[in-house]
N, C-alpha and C. Protein backbone atom coordinates (compact mmCIF):
# COMPACT_ATOMS: atom_id res chain seq x y z
N MET A 1 94.82 30.92 -13.63
CA MET A 1 93.88 31.14 -12.81
C MET A 1 94.67 31.13 -11.39
N THR A 2 94.29 32.17 -10.36
CA THR A 2 94.98 32.01 -9.30
C THR A 2 94.03 31.15 -8.12
N ASP A 3 95.14 30.87 -7.03
CA ASP A 3 94.34 29.92 -6.11
C ASP A 3 93.58 30.89 -5.29
N SER A 4 92.24 30.27 -4.88
CA SER A 4 91.63 31.12 -3.83
C SER A 4 91.37 30.23 -2.52
N THR A 5 90.95 31.04 -1.36
CA THR A 5 90.66 30.37 -0.36
C THR A 5 89.05 30.30 -0.26
N ASP A 6 88.83 29.46 0.89
CA ASP A 6 87.26 29.30 1.11
C ASP A 6 86.56 30.50 1.43
N GLU A 7 87.52 31.56 1.82
CA GLU A 7 86.66 32.79 2.33
C GLU A 7 86.30 33.62 1.17
N ASP A 8 87.10 33.58 0.01
CA ASP A 8 86.87 34.33 -1.27
C ASP A 8 86.16 33.50 -2.10
N ALA A 9 85.96 32.31 -2.01
CA ALA A 9 85.37 31.31 -3.05
C ALA A 9 84.00 31.70 -3.45
N PRO A 10 83.48 31.93 -4.62
CA PRO A 10 82.10 32.34 -5.00
C PRO A 10 81.14 31.29 -4.64
N ASP A 11 80.05 31.69 -4.45
CA ASP A 11 79.00 30.71 -4.09
C ASP A 11 78.25 30.09 -5.47
N CYS A 12 78.00 28.79 -5.58
CA CYS A 12 77.37 28.31 -6.91
C CYS A 12 75.98 28.82 -6.98
N ARG A 13 75.65 29.41 -8.10
CA ARG A 13 74.36 30.13 -8.39
C ARG A 13 73.13 29.06 -8.43
N SER A 14 73.50 27.58 -8.51
CA SER A 14 72.27 26.66 -8.48
C SER A 14 72.10 26.59 -6.85
N CYS A 15 73.04 25.75 -6.35
CA CYS A 15 73.18 25.22 -4.98
C CYS A 15 73.31 25.94 -3.72
N GLY A 16 74.39 27.17 -3.96
CA GLY A 16 74.76 28.00 -3.00
C GLY A 16 75.88 27.45 -2.28
N ASP A 17 76.48 26.35 -2.55
CA ASP A 17 77.66 25.81 -1.86
C ASP A 17 78.81 26.58 -2.46
N PRO A 18 79.86 27.06 -1.79
CA PRO A 18 81.23 27.56 -2.21
C PRO A 18 81.71 26.89 -3.36
N VAL A 19 82.23 27.38 -4.40
CA VAL A 19 82.67 26.87 -5.61
C VAL A 19 84.09 26.94 -5.44
N GLY A 20 84.88 25.72 -5.20
CA GLY A 20 86.19 25.78 -4.96
C GLY A 20 87.01 25.51 -6.16
N PRO A 21 88.40 25.50 -6.36
CA PRO A 21 89.01 25.22 -7.48
C PRO A 21 89.09 23.78 -7.65
N SER A 22 88.37 23.15 -8.86
CA SER A 22 88.32 21.92 -9.13
C SER A 22 87.97 21.73 -10.83
N SER A 23 88.46 20.64 -11.16
CA SER A 23 87.90 20.47 -12.52
C SER A 23 86.47 20.18 -12.98
N GLU A 24 85.58 20.35 -12.02
CA GLU A 24 83.91 20.39 -12.22
C GLU A 24 83.64 21.78 -12.19
N GLN A 25 84.27 22.82 -11.78
CA GLN A 25 83.85 24.07 -11.71
C GLN A 25 83.54 24.64 -13.04
N ARG A 26 82.58 25.32 -13.22
CA ARG A 26 82.04 26.05 -14.66
C ARG A 26 81.93 27.55 -14.32
N VAL A 27 82.25 28.52 -15.32
CA VAL A 27 81.73 29.80 -14.91
C VAL A 27 81.11 30.08 -16.32
N VAL A 28 79.95 30.92 -16.21
CA VAL A 28 79.15 31.37 -17.36
C VAL A 28 79.45 32.94 -17.17
N THR A 29 79.96 33.62 -18.51
CA THR A 29 80.18 34.76 -18.46
C THR A 29 79.38 35.61 -19.48
N THR A 30 78.59 36.71 -19.12
CA THR A 30 77.99 37.21 -19.93
C THR A 30 78.09 38.89 -19.87
N VAL A 31 77.75 39.63 -20.87
CA VAL A 31 77.54 41.07 -20.56
C VAL A 31 76.33 41.56 -20.47
N GLU A 32 76.11 42.31 -19.40
CA GLU A 32 74.70 42.74 -19.11
C GLU A 32 74.83 44.39 -18.74
N ASP A 33 74.06 45.24 -19.53
CA ASP A 33 74.28 46.62 -19.18
C ASP A 33 75.44 47.20 -19.29
N ALA A 34 76.52 46.77 -20.44
CA ALA A 34 77.83 47.32 -20.42
C ALA A 34 78.75 46.66 -19.25
N ALA A 35 78.44 45.73 -18.42
CA ALA A 35 79.34 45.09 -17.41
C ALA A 35 79.35 43.61 -17.58
N THR A 36 80.55 43.14 -17.00
CA THR A 36 80.76 41.73 -17.38
C THR A 36 80.25 41.02 -15.98
N VAL A 37 79.32 40.04 -16.45
CA VAL A 37 78.79 39.22 -15.18
C VAL A 37 79.28 37.89 -15.20
N TYR A 38 79.84 37.29 -14.06
CA TYR A 38 80.33 36.02 -13.80
C TYR A 38 79.39 35.20 -13.05
N ARG A 39 79.02 33.92 -13.49
CA ARG A 39 78.07 33.26 -12.72
C ARG A 39 78.71 31.89 -12.56
N HIS A 40 79.09 31.49 -11.26
CA HIS A 40 79.89 30.33 -11.15
C HIS A 40 78.91 29.11 -10.59
N PHE A 41 79.70 28.22 -10.80
CA PHE A 41 78.82 26.78 -10.80
C PHE A 41 79.96 25.77 -10.26
N CYS A 42 79.38 24.87 -9.37
CA CYS A 42 80.27 23.81 -8.78
C CYS A 42 80.41 22.54 -9.52
N SER A 43 79.35 22.39 -10.64
CA SER A 43 79.37 21.14 -11.57
C SER A 43 78.63 21.59 -12.57
N ASP A 44 78.67 20.85 -13.82
CA ASP A 44 77.99 20.90 -14.83
C ASP A 44 76.25 20.73 -14.57
N ASP A 45 76.23 19.77 -13.69
CA ASP A 45 74.73 19.55 -13.22
C ASP A 45 74.23 20.85 -12.74
N CYS A 46 74.87 21.70 -11.88
CA CYS A 46 74.20 22.78 -11.32
C CYS A 46 74.15 23.59 -12.44
N ARG A 47 75.12 23.85 -13.21
CA ARG A 47 75.18 24.73 -14.42
C ARG A 47 73.69 24.30 -15.33
N GLU A 48 73.59 23.20 -15.39
CA GLU A 48 72.40 22.51 -16.34
C GLU A 48 71.14 23.03 -15.67
N GLN A 49 71.23 22.74 -14.51
CA GLN A 49 69.84 23.06 -13.58
C GLN A 49 69.37 24.54 -13.76
N TRP A 50 70.29 25.42 -13.47
CA TRP A 50 70.38 26.74 -13.51
C TRP A 50 69.89 27.36 -14.69
N GLU A 51 70.60 26.69 -15.95
CA GLU A 51 70.01 27.38 -17.28
C GLU A 51 68.64 26.59 -17.45
N SER A 52 68.38 25.55 -17.13
CA SER A 52 66.83 24.83 -17.48
C SER A 52 65.82 25.86 -16.60
N SER A 53 66.08 26.25 -15.46
CA SER A 53 65.07 26.96 -14.76
C SER A 53 65.19 28.53 -15.11
N ASN A 54 66.32 29.06 -16.03
CA ASN A 54 66.17 30.38 -16.35
C ASN A 54 65.79 30.41 -18.10
N SER A 55 65.44 29.41 -18.40
CA SER A 55 65.29 29.36 -19.98
C SER A 55 63.73 29.68 -20.19
N ALA A 56 62.87 29.49 -19.44
CA ALA A 56 61.59 29.76 -19.64
C ALA A 56 61.13 31.07 -19.73
């Protein structure tokens, strides 16, 4: 993985904070309509919160 700067860091899909390189960072990858979609999260807690709100 390459280093990124704050300017090109993706936003967390749950809380909206920039996701910087850290051991807490999580990425969920899916294929939708033949395109790869990456959803970035700043922590497991944010990922779990996003998953629980989208499982209904």
